[in-house]
Amino acid sequence: MKVIVCGAGQVGWQIARHLSRENNDVTIVDNNPALVQRATDTLDVQGVLGFASHPDVLDKAGAADADMVIAATYSDEVNMVTCQVSHSVFGVTRKIARLRQQTYLERQYAGLFRREHMPIDVIISPEREVSLAALKRVAYPGAFDVHEYFDGKALLVGMTLQAECSVLNTPLRQLSELFPTLRVMVAGVRRGKRLFAPEPEDQLFEGDQIYVLTDARDVSRCFEVFGKTQARQERVLVIGGGNVGLSVASMLEAQPERVRVKVIERDRGRAEIAADKLERSIVLHGDGLDAELLNEAGITKTDAVLVLTDDDKTNLLAAVRAQSLGGKMSIALINDPSLVPLADALGVDAYINPRALTVSSILRHVRHGRVRSVYMVGDREAEVIEAQVLGTSQLADRAVRDIQFPEGALLIGALRKGEFLKPTGSMILREGDLVVIFSLTEDVPKVDELLQVAVEFF
């Protein structure tokens, strides 16, 4: 498949990396020569310098025979025009655009993106992805990360183990004996700075950060086993009333069970906009780092604090300040993945990485056949891949114990005829099964080989 990725920032670079590794013909376009150079130096891609919306630039990138254009520049308008030009001039059949401005996505303007007007086949909204992720964090306060698989039938949950965990110092192989009906698999363990795929004899220790895949019906039991309590979050404070904060507050207002929401926004104009658009939420104008204002917002009675400004460092500091004043749980928006370890060191309960969410969302719409979604863990340290077992792959009609998974990879879940299955050594994978595999980044190419033998790319 020939793909043109427009925008060589973090999102575009990650998409190009994934697609080029799957033997696709990828060209990346950007008007920043340093970003184009970085992409061509580190990835197996071609680079074109110029504005992605210009017809001559797209022509140079090979749009005339491209199968797909992914417009992921920093400008919504450039992304839209890129899709329009790709369609009208070059006849590209599949066009994906990242749009950040929520106005474009409002229901009354839905007709804008019909083929005869603005031909965009798939719209990715980072704000919406972040908002949905924030709701999951609020819904599962015992987790620092939550991601859905098998269309919501299974959840990947990240948890930090504390002394209350009942299975500390217990070999993982004994979990099945202790809890025979619990459908959960420990996928990855972060101990100190090291992330690894555990062996059956490995034990869990206090302070470990673990990723588990669990049947959605077993989430409550899963949290209990690992020493986490689940309580409904009735009072939520949102710091940052921009696009993301406003979207989150609106979604919280729409929840079936009422959530009391307060929003703090430093910019008066944006605070007034938020106050006009929100129906039941209280909007306060001021600095989210101001202790007096946080106390006025009732920080000691707040169940969760979502810090969603456009500045990572402000988000980290505000999350820490809120906790120090009595906030029960803090969740920070962090764009720069290199700051995630700092969030852990500062005691921030959970974080949301918009870039990783956007990449995962785009890849869901790009992949055909075997790979359905990819979720990146940490600073690109590992990937959790959902894929379909094809009859020609090395997974089909083989017992799990006989499949040569690389050392850093682990099969953590399967779905057959709509039913979640916890993998065992004797399980035989069948054509059509869906599987979830946890893999350290360096072992992803080997996992890819297991999935793609004799597979036709679309």
Protein backbone atom coordinates (compact mmCIF):
# COMPACT_ATOMS: atom_id res chain seq x y z
CA MET A 1 0.00 0.00 0.00
CA LYS A 2 1.29 3.45 -0.89
CA VAL A 3 0.65 6.02 1.85
CA ILE A 4 1.45 9.73 2.06
CA VAL A 5 1.75 11.06 5.61
CA CYS A 6 1.45 14.84 5.78
CA GLY A 7 3.11 16.27 8.87
CA ALA A 8 6.39 14.99 10.29
CA GLY A 9 5.78 15.91 13.94
CA GLN A 10 5.43 13.31 16.67
CA VAL A 11 2.08 12.02 15.38
CA GLY A 12 3.11 11.85 11.72
CA TRP A 13 6.47 10.32 12.58
CA GLN A 14 4.88 7.58 14.66
CA ILE A 15 2.33 6.75 11.96
CA ALA A 16 5.06 6.61 9.32
CA ARG A 17 7.16 4.37 11.56
CA HIS A 18 4.35 1.86 12.04
CA LEU A 19 3.32 1.78 8.39
CA SER A 20 6.83 1.58 6.96
CA ARG A 21 7.63 -1.31 9.28
CA GLU A 22 4.74 -3.21 7.69
CA ASN A 23 6.36 -2.98 4.25
CA ASN A 24 4.13 -0.17 3.04
CA ASP A 25 5.53 2.43 0.64
CA VAL A 26 5.48 5.57 2.81
CA THR A 27 6.26 9.16 1.88
CA ILE A 28 6.28 11.85 4.57
CA VAL A 29 5.67 15.52 3.73
CA ASP A 30 6.49 18.59 5.85
CA ASN A 31 7.62 22.17 5.31
CA ASN A 32 10.21 21.85 8.09
CA PRO A 33 13.48 20.51 6.61
CA ALA A 34 14.75 19.30 10.00
CA LEU A 35 11.65 17.15 10.56
CA VAL A 36 11.81 15.69 7.06
CA GLN A 37 15.50 14.91 7.55
CA ARG A 38 14.80 13.23 10.89
CA ALA A 39 12.14 11.04 9.31
CA THR A 40 14.26 9.94 6.36
CA ASP A 41 17.31 9.33 8.59
CA THR A 42 15.49 7.17 11.14
CA LEU A 43 12.73 5.51 9.09
CA ASP A 44 12.47 3.57 5.86
CA VAL A 45 10.46 6.35 4.19
CA GLN A 46 10.83 8.92 1.46
CA GLY A 47 10.69 12.59 2.36
CA VAL A 48 9.29 15.57 0.48
CA LEU A 49 9.83 19.15 1.64
CA GLY A 50 6.95 21.57 1.16
CA PHE A 51 3.40 22.47 2.15
CA ALA A 52 1.20 19.39 2.08
CA SER A 53 -1.79 21.28 0.69
CA HIS A 54 0.06 22.40 -2.45
CA PRO A 55 -0.76 20.28 -5.52
CA ASP A 56 2.83 20.28 -6.80
CA VAL A 57 4.09 19.01 -3.44
CA LEU A 58 1.52 16.20 -3.36
CA ASP A 59 2.40 15.38 -6.95
CA LYS A 60 6.08 15.11 -6.01
CA ALA A 61 5.07 12.84 -3.10
CA GLY A 62 3.36 10.47 -5.53
CA ALA A 63 -0.29 11.29 -4.90
CA ALA A 64 -1.20 10.23 -8.45
CA ASP A 65 -0.91 6.56 -7.48
CA ALA A 66 -1.27 6.77 -3.69
CA ASP A 67 -3.77 4.53 -1.89
CA MET A 68 -4.12 6.78 1.14
CA VAL A 69 -3.32 10.27 2.40
CA ILE A 70 -3.09 10.94 6.14
CA ALA A 71 -3.18 14.66 6.90
CA ALA A 72 -1.74 15.17 10.39
CA THR A 73 -0.14 18.62 10.26
CA TYR A 74 -0.59 21.16 13.03
CA SER A 75 -3.20 23.08 11.01
CA ASP A 76 -6.80 21.88 10.63
CA GLU A 77 -7.22 24.01 7.52
CA VAL A 78 -4.09 22.60 5.87
CA ASN A 79 -5.31 19.08 6.66
CA MET A 80 -8.71 19.76 5.10
CA VAL A 81 -7.31 21.35 1.96
CA THR A 82 -4.80 18.51 1.63
CA CYS A 83 -7.66 16.00 1.57
CA GLN A 84 -9.60 18.13 -0.89
CA VAL A 85 -6.66 18.43 -3.29
CA SER A 86 -5.84 14.72 -2.91
CA HIS A 87 -9.41 13.88 -3.90
CA SER A 88 -10.13 16.46 -6.59
CA VAL A 89 -6.76 16.52 -8.37
CA PHE A 90 -5.31 13.06 -7.77
CA GLY A 91 -8.32 10.85 -7.03
CA VAL A 92 -6.89 9.36 -3.84
CA THR A 93 -9.50 6.93 -2.56
CA ARG A 94 -8.86 7.10 1.22
CA LYS A 95 -8.22 10.33 3.10
CA ILE A 96 -7.78 10.75 6.87
CA ALA A 97 -7.53 14.14 8.56
CA ARG A 98 -6.71 15.21 12.09
CA LEU A 99 -8.98 18.09 13.13
CA ARG A 100 -8.58 19.79 16.49
CA GLN A 101 -11.17 22.59 16.27
CA GLN A 102 -14.38 21.19 17.72
CA THR A 103 -16.56 23.59 15.72
CA TYR A 104 -15.95 21.49 12.61
CA LEU A 105 -17.36 18.44 14.40
CA GLU A 106 -20.61 19.94 15.64
CA ARG A 107 -23.74 18.18 14.45
CA GLN A 108 -25.18 21.11 12.49
CA TYR A 109 -22.07 21.16 10.28
CA ALA A 110 -21.96 17.43 9.61
CA GLY A 111 -22.79 17.95 5.91
CA LEU A 112 -19.52 19.82 5.39
CA PHE A 113 -17.52 16.63 5.05
CA ARG A 114 -19.64 14.88 2.46
CA ARG A 115 -17.75 13.69 -0.59
CA GLU A 116 -19.23 16.41 -2.81
CA HIS A 117 -18.10 19.16 -0.42
CA MET A 118 -15.01 18.35 1.68
CA PRO A 119 -14.13 14.72 0.91
CA ILE A 120 -12.59 13.41 4.15
CA ASP A 121 -13.25 9.74 4.79
CA VAL A 122 -12.15 9.61 8.44
CA ILE A 123 -11.83 12.52 10.89
CA ILE A 124 -9.62 12.07 13.94
CA SER A 125 -10.23 14.49 16.80
CA PRO A 126 -7.41 14.56 19.40
CA GLU A 127 -9.67 16.48 21.77
CA ARG A 128 -12.35 13.81 21.58
CA GLU A 129 -9.81 11.01 22.06
CA VAL A 130 -8.37 12.79 25.11
CA SER A 131 -11.85 13.45 26.50
CA LEU A 132 -12.85 9.79 26.21
CA ALA A 133 -9.56 8.75 27.84
CA ALA A 134 -10.17 11.21 30.68
CA LEU A 135 -13.62 9.74 31.29
CA LYS A 136 -12.10 6.26 31.51
CA ARG A 137 -9.55 7.48 34.07
CA VAL A 138 -12.34 8.99 36.15
CA ALA A 139 -14.43 5.83 35.82
CA TYR A 140 -11.52 3.66 37.03
CA PRO A 141 -9.77 5.69 39.74
CA GLY A 142 -7.54 2.76 40.73
CA ALA A 143 -5.81 2.83 37.34
CA PHE A 144 -3.26 5.15 35.81
CA ASP A 145 -4.01 3.92 32.29
CA VAL A 146 -7.07 2.34 30.62
CA HIS A 147 -7.52 1.24 27.00
CA GLU A 148 -10.27 -0.80 25.35
CA TYR A 149 -9.83 -3.90 23.21
CA PHE A 150 -12.22 -6.20 21.36
CA ASP A 151 -14.68 -3.31 20.96
CA GLY A 152 -14.89 -2.81 24.73
CA LYS A 153 -15.16 -6.48 25.71
CA ALA A 154 -11.70 -6.31 27.33
CA LEU A 155 -9.73 -3.56 29.07
CA LEU A 156 -6.00 -2.99 29.34
CA VAL A 157 -5.52 -1.49 32.80
CA GLY A 158 -2.37 0.04 34.27
CA MET A 159 -2.07 -0.07 38.08
CA THR A 160 0.57 0.74 40.67
CA LEU A 161 0.76 -2.01 43.30
CA GLN A 162 0.69 -1.03 46.95
CA ALA A 163 0.90 -2.94 50.22
CA GLU A 164 -2.84 -3.71 50.07
CA CYS A 165 -2.36 -5.96 47.04
CA SER A 166 -3.17 -9.53 48.08
CA VAL A 167 -0.98 -11.22 45.47
CA LEU A 168 2.36 -9.59 46.25
CA ASN A 169 5.31 -12.01 46.34
CA THR A 170 3.21 -14.64 44.57
CA PRO A 171 4.37 -16.34 41.34
CA LEU A 172 2.09 -15.32 38.48
CA ARG A 173 1.39 -18.93 37.57
CA GLN A 174 -0.46 -19.26 40.90
CA LEU A 175 -2.99 -16.56 40.04
CA SER A 176 -4.99 -19.07 38.00
CA GLU A 177 -5.00 -21.46 40.95
CA LEU A 178 -6.02 -18.79 43.45
CA PHE A 179 -8.66 -17.21 41.18
CA PRO A 180 -9.68 -19.87 38.64
CA THR A 181 -12.65 -17.93 37.25
CA LEU A 182 -10.89 -14.56 36.98
CA ARG A 183 -10.23 -13.73 33.33
CA VAL A 184 -7.12 -11.57 33.63
CA MET A 185 -3.55 -11.70 32.35
CA VAL A 186 -0.59 -9.67 33.57
CA ALA A 187 0.87 -8.25 30.36
CA GLY A 188 3.79 -6.07 31.41
CA VAL A 189 5.59 -5.02 34.58
CA ARG A 190 7.55 -1.82 35.17
CA ARG A 191 10.01 -2.18 38.03
CA GLY A 192 12.09 0.91 38.52
CA LYS A 193 13.09 2.05 35.02
CA ARG A 194 12.71 -1.39 33.45
CA LEU A 195 9.59 -2.57 31.61
CA PHE A 196 9.39 -6.30 30.88
CA ALA A 197 7.02 -9.07 29.86
CA PRO A 198 6.80 -11.35 32.92
CA GLU A 199 7.41 -15.09 33.04
CA PRO A 200 5.08 -17.49 34.94
CA GLU A 201 7.58 -17.73 37.83
CA ASP A 202 7.95 -13.96 38.22
CA GLN A 203 6.49 -12.33 41.33
CA LEU A 204 4.94 -8.92 41.85
CA PHE A 205 6.28 -6.49 44.42
CA GLU A 206 5.07 -3.35 46.12
CA GLY A 207 5.75 -0.34 43.91
CA ASP A 208 5.54 -2.29 40.65
CA GLN A 209 3.51 -0.74 37.86
CA ILE A 210 1.64 -3.45 36.00
CA TYR A 211 -0.48 -3.66 32.86
CA VAL A 212 -3.21 -6.29 32.86
CA LEU A 213 -5.78 -7.31 30.26
CA THR A 214 -9.09 -8.29 31.79
CA ASP A 215 -12.54 -9.26 30.60
CA ALA A 216 -14.67 -6.13 30.99
CA ARG A 217 -17.09 -8.13 33.16
CA ASP A 218 -14.27 -8.89 35.62
CA VAL A 219 -12.95 -5.36 36.07
CA SER A 220 -14.28 -4.94 39.62
CA ARG A 221 -12.85 -8.29 40.75
CA CYS A 222 -9.56 -7.48 39.04
CA PHE A 223 -9.22 -4.27 41.02
CA GLU A 224 -10.04 -6.08 44.26
CA VAL A 225 -7.41 -8.77 43.64
CA PHE A 226 -4.74 -6.14 43.04
CA GLY A 227 -5.73 -4.10 46.11
CA LYS A 228 -7.65 -1.28 44.44
CA THR A 229 -11.00 0.11 45.54
CA GLN A 230 -13.60 1.34 43.10
CA ALA A 231 -15.70 4.32 44.13
CA ARG A 232 -17.91 6.51 41.99
CA GLN A 233 -16.39 9.90 41.32
CA GLU A 234 -19.12 12.40 42.23
CA ARG A 235 -17.12 15.64 42.32
CA VAL A 236 -14.62 16.47 39.58
CA LEU A 237 -12.47 19.57 39.17
CA VAL A 238 -11.22 20.40 35.67
CA ILE A 239 -8.26 22.79 35.46
CA GLY A 240 -8.12 24.26 31.98
CA GLY A 241 -11.20 25.41 30.11
CA GLY A 242 -9.86 25.21 26.56
CA ASN A 243 -11.06 22.77 23.89
CA VAL A 244 -10.07 19.67 25.87
CA GLY A 245 -11.29 20.87 29.28
CA LEU A 246 -14.58 22.08 27.84
CA SER A 247 -15.11 18.79 26.00
CA VAL A 248 -14.41 16.76 29.16
CA ALA A 249 -16.71 18.91 31.29
CA SER A 250 -19.49 18.56 28.70
CA MET A 251 -19.13 14.78 28.63
CA LEU A 252 -19.16 14.62 32.42
CA GLU A 253 -22.36 16.66 32.45
CA ALA A 254 -23.92 14.14 30.07
CA GLN A 255 -23.17 11.12 32.27
CA PRO A 256 -26.27 9.10 33.34
CA GLU A 257 -25.32 9.48 37.00
CA ARG A 258 -24.86 13.11 37.92
CA VAL A 259 -21.30 14.36 38.37
CA ARG A 260 -20.70 17.74 40.01
CA VAL A 261 -18.16 19.55 37.83
CA LYS A 262 -16.16 22.71 38.45
CA VAL A 263 -13.83 24.27 35.89
CA ILE A 264 -10.93 26.65 36.52
CA GLU A 265 -9.69 28.70 33.55
CA ARG A 266 -7.02 31.42 33.68
CA ASP A 267 -8.05 33.25 30.49
CA ARG A 268 -11.17 35.35 31.07
CA GLY A 269 -12.41 35.05 27.49
CA ARG A 270 -12.20 31.26 27.48
CA ALA A 271 -13.73 31.11 30.95
CA GLU A 272 -16.74 33.08 29.68
CA ILE A 273 -17.08 30.79 26.65
CA ALA A 274 -16.97 27.73 28.92
CA ALA A 275 -19.57 29.24 31.26
CA ASP A 276 -21.90 29.90 28.30
CA LYS A 277 -21.57 26.40 26.85
CA LEU A 278 -21.76 24.37 30.05
CA GLU A 279 -25.19 23.87 31.56
CA ARG A 280 -24.58 22.69 35.14
CA SER A 281 -20.85 23.14 35.72
CA ILE A 282 -19.43 25.99 37.77
CA VAL A 283 -16.68 27.94 35.98
CA LEU A 284 -14.11 29.86 38.05
CA HIS A 285 -11.78 32.43 36.51
CA GLY A 286 -8.25 32.19 37.89
CA ASP A 287 -4.97 30.28 38.08
CA GLY A 288 -5.19 26.53 38.74
CA LEU A 289 -1.97 26.79 40.76
CA ASP A 290 -3.53 29.30 43.19
CA ALA A 291 -4.03 27.51 46.52
CA GLU A 292 -6.70 29.97 47.63
CA LEU A 293 -8.71 29.39 44.45
CA LEU A 294 -8.34 25.61 44.74
CA ASN A 295 -9.68 25.77 48.29
CA GLU A 296 -12.55 27.94 47.09
CA ALA A 297 -13.30 25.23 44.50
CA GLY A 298 -13.58 22.69 47.33
CA ILE A 299 -10.43 20.74 46.62
CA THR A 300 -10.68 18.68 49.82
CA LYS A 301 -14.11 17.36 48.75
CA THR A 302 -13.04 16.69 45.16
CA ASP A 303 -12.83 13.05 44.06
CA ALA A 304 -10.75 13.70 40.93
CA VAL A 305 -8.75 16.60 39.50
CA LEU A 306 -8.21 16.67 35.73
CA VAL A 307 -5.45 19.11 34.71
CA LEU A 308 -5.92 19.75 30.99
CA THR A 309 -4.16 22.96 30.03
CA ASP A 310 -1.95 23.21 26.95
CA ASP A 311 1.27 23.32 28.99
CA ASP A 312 2.74 20.05 30.30
CA LYS A 313 4.73 21.62 33.12
CA THR A 314 1.74 23.59 34.36
CA ASN A 315 -0.30 20.38 34.30
CA LEU A 316 2.26 18.53 36.41
CA LEU A 317 2.62 21.34 38.94
CA ALA A 318 -1.13 21.91 39.22
CA ALA A 319 -1.72 18.17 39.74
CA VAL A 320 0.84 18.09 42.55
CA ARG A 321 -0.55 21.28 44.11
CA ALA A 322 -4.09 19.88 44.05
CA GLN A 323 -2.95 16.68 45.76
CA SER A 324 -1.00 18.59 48.40
CA LEU A 325 -4.17 20.51 49.27
CA GLY A 326 -6.28 17.39 49.72
CA GLY A 327 -7.39 16.31 46.23
CA LYS A 328 -7.98 12.54 46.22
CA MET A 329 -6.79 11.78 42.67
CA SER A 330 -4.95 13.80 40.04
CA ILE A 331 -4.83 13.20 36.29
CA ALA A 332 -2.52 15.29 34.10
CA LEU A 333 -2.40 15.83 30.35
CA ILE A 334 1.17 15.20 29.17
CA ASN A 335 2.12 15.68 25.52
CA ASP A 336 5.84 15.06 26.00
CA PRO A 337 6.32 11.34 26.82
CA SER A 338 9.75 12.07 28.31
CA LEU A 339 7.95 13.83 31.20
CA VAL A 340 6.00 10.70 32.17
CA PRO A 341 8.73 9.44 34.57
CA LEU A 342 8.62 12.86 36.23
CA ALA A 343 4.87 12.48 36.71
CA ASP A 344 5.45 9.15 38.44
CA ALA A 345 8.17 10.64 40.65
CA LEU A 346 5.91 13.54 41.66
CA GLY A 347 3.11 11.16 42.63
CA VAL A 348 0.63 12.11 39.91
CA ASP A 349 -1.95 9.31 39.86
CA ALA A 350 -2.55 9.09 36.12
CA TYR A 351 -1.65 10.81 32.89
CA ILE A 352 -3.06 11.11 29.37
CA ASN A 353 -0.80 11.26 26.30
CA PRO A 354 -2.73 12.89 23.41
CA ARG A 355 -0.15 11.98 20.78
CA ALA A 356 -0.23 8.29 21.63
CA LEU A 357 -4.05 8.34 21.58
CA THR A 358 -4.13 10.10 18.20
CA VAL A 359 -1.65 7.68 16.64
CA SER A 360 -3.58 4.68 17.96
CA SER A 361 -6.84 6.11 16.64
CA ILE A 362 -5.44 6.79 13.17
CA LEU A 363 -3.86 3.35 12.95
CA ARG A 364 -7.23 1.76 13.75
CA HIS A 365 -8.54 3.21 10.50
CA VAL A 366 -5.42 2.50 8.46
CA ARG A 367 -4.85 -1.17 9.15
CA HIS A 368 -6.68 -3.78 7.11
CA GLY A 369 -6.77 -7.50 7.64
CA ARG A 370 -4.75 -8.70 10.57
CA VAL A 371 -3.94 -5.66 12.75
CA ARG A 372 -6.94 -3.84 14.20
CA SER A 373 -5.29 -1.46 16.65
CA VAL A 374 -2.00 -0.55 18.28
CA TYR A 375 -1.56 1.16 21.65
CA MET A 376 1.82 2.48 22.72
CA VAL A 377 2.93 2.01 26.33
CA GLY A 378 5.13 4.62 27.99
CA ASP A 379 7.67 6.42 25.84
CA ARG A 380 7.31 3.96 22.93
CA GLU A 381 8.73 1.22 25.18
CA ALA A 382 6.12 -1.37 24.25
CA GLU A 383 3.06 -1.87 22.09
CA VAL A 384 -0.18 -3.70 22.77
CA ILE A 385 -1.46 -5.02 19.46
CA GLU A 386 -4.93 -6.29 18.62
CA ALA A 387 -4.89 -8.52 15.54
CA GLN A 388 -6.92 -11.07 13.66
CA VAL A 389 -5.55 -14.58 13.17
CA LEU A 390 -5.42 -15.30 9.45
CA GLY A 391 -5.27 -18.83 8.11
CA THR A 392 -1.83 -18.29 6.55
CA SER A 393 -0.17 -16.89 9.69
CA GLN A 394 2.07 -18.83 12.05
CA LEU A 395 -0.56 -18.50 14.78
CA ALA A 396 -3.34 -20.44 13.08
CA ASP A 397 -4.14 -24.00 14.22
CA ARG A 398 -1.29 -24.10 16.71
CA ALA A 399 -1.25 -24.44 20.48
CA VAL A 400 -0.05 -21.31 22.25
CA ARG A 401 2.84 -23.20 23.86
CA ASP A 402 4.13 -24.17 20.39
CA ILE A 403 4.19 -20.62 19.00
CA GLN A 404 7.66 -19.08 19.06
CA PHE A 405 6.85 -15.72 20.61
CA PRO A 406 9.96 -13.57 21.19
CA GLU A 407 11.11 -13.17 24.78
CA GLY A 408 9.60 -9.69 25.14
CA ALA A 409 6.18 -10.63 23.77
CA LEU A 410 3.20 -12.25 25.42
CA LEU A 411 -0.25 -13.34 24.22
CA ILE A 412 -2.58 -11.81 26.80
CA GLY A 413 -6.10 -12.33 25.45
CA ALA A 414 -8.24 -13.79 22.68
CA LEU A 415 -11.77 -13.34 21.43
CA ARG A 416 -13.66 -16.18 19.73
CA LYS A 417 -17.26 -15.82 18.59
CA GLY A 418 -17.66 -12.78 20.80
CA GLU A 419 -16.37 -14.50 23.95
CA PHE A 420 -13.22 -13.37 25.78
CA LEU A 421 -10.74 -16.20 26.37
CA LYS A 422 -7.85 -16.19 28.82
CA PRO A 423 -4.87 -17.77 27.01
CA THR A 424 -3.46 -21.09 28.21
CA GLY A 425 -0.60 -23.14 26.85
CA SER A 426 -2.95 -25.74 25.40
CA MET A 427 -5.25 -23.24 23.70
CA ILE A 428 -5.28 -23.68 19.92
CA LEU A 429 -5.75 -20.46 17.99
CA ARG A 430 -8.13 -20.62 15.05
CA GLU A 431 -8.48 -18.60 11.88
CA GLY A 432 -10.72 -15.62 12.61
CA ASP A 433 -9.82 -15.39 16.31
CA LEU A 434 -8.90 -11.96 17.58
CA VAL A 435 -5.84 -11.75 19.80
CA VAL A 436 -4.11 -9.13 21.93
CA ILE A 437 -0.32 -9.31 22.19
CA PHE A 438 1.91 -7.27 24.51
CA SER A 439 5.35 -6.71 23.00
CA LEU A 440 8.41 -4.70 23.91
CA THR A 441 9.23 -2.37 21.03
CA GLU A 442 12.37 -4.22 19.96
CA ASP A 443 10.36 -7.43 19.55
CA VAL A 444 7.50 -5.95 17.53
CA PRO A 445 9.05 -6.87 14.15
CA LYS A 446 9.18 -10.53 15.22
CA VAL A 447 5.56 -10.39 16.36
CA ASP A 448 4.73 -8.82 13.02
CA GLU A 449 6.33 -11.78 11.26
CA LEU A 450 4.13 -14.19 13.22
CA LEU A 451 1.08 -12.29 12.06
CA GLN A 452 1.94 -11.58 8.46
CA VAL A 453 3.35 -14.74 6.84
CA ALA A 454 1.85 -15.08 3.37
CA VAL A 455 -0.63 -12.30 4.09
CA GLU A 456 -1.86 -10.10 1.24
CA PHE A 457 -1.61 -6.39 2.05
CA PHE A 458 -4.59 -4.32 1.00
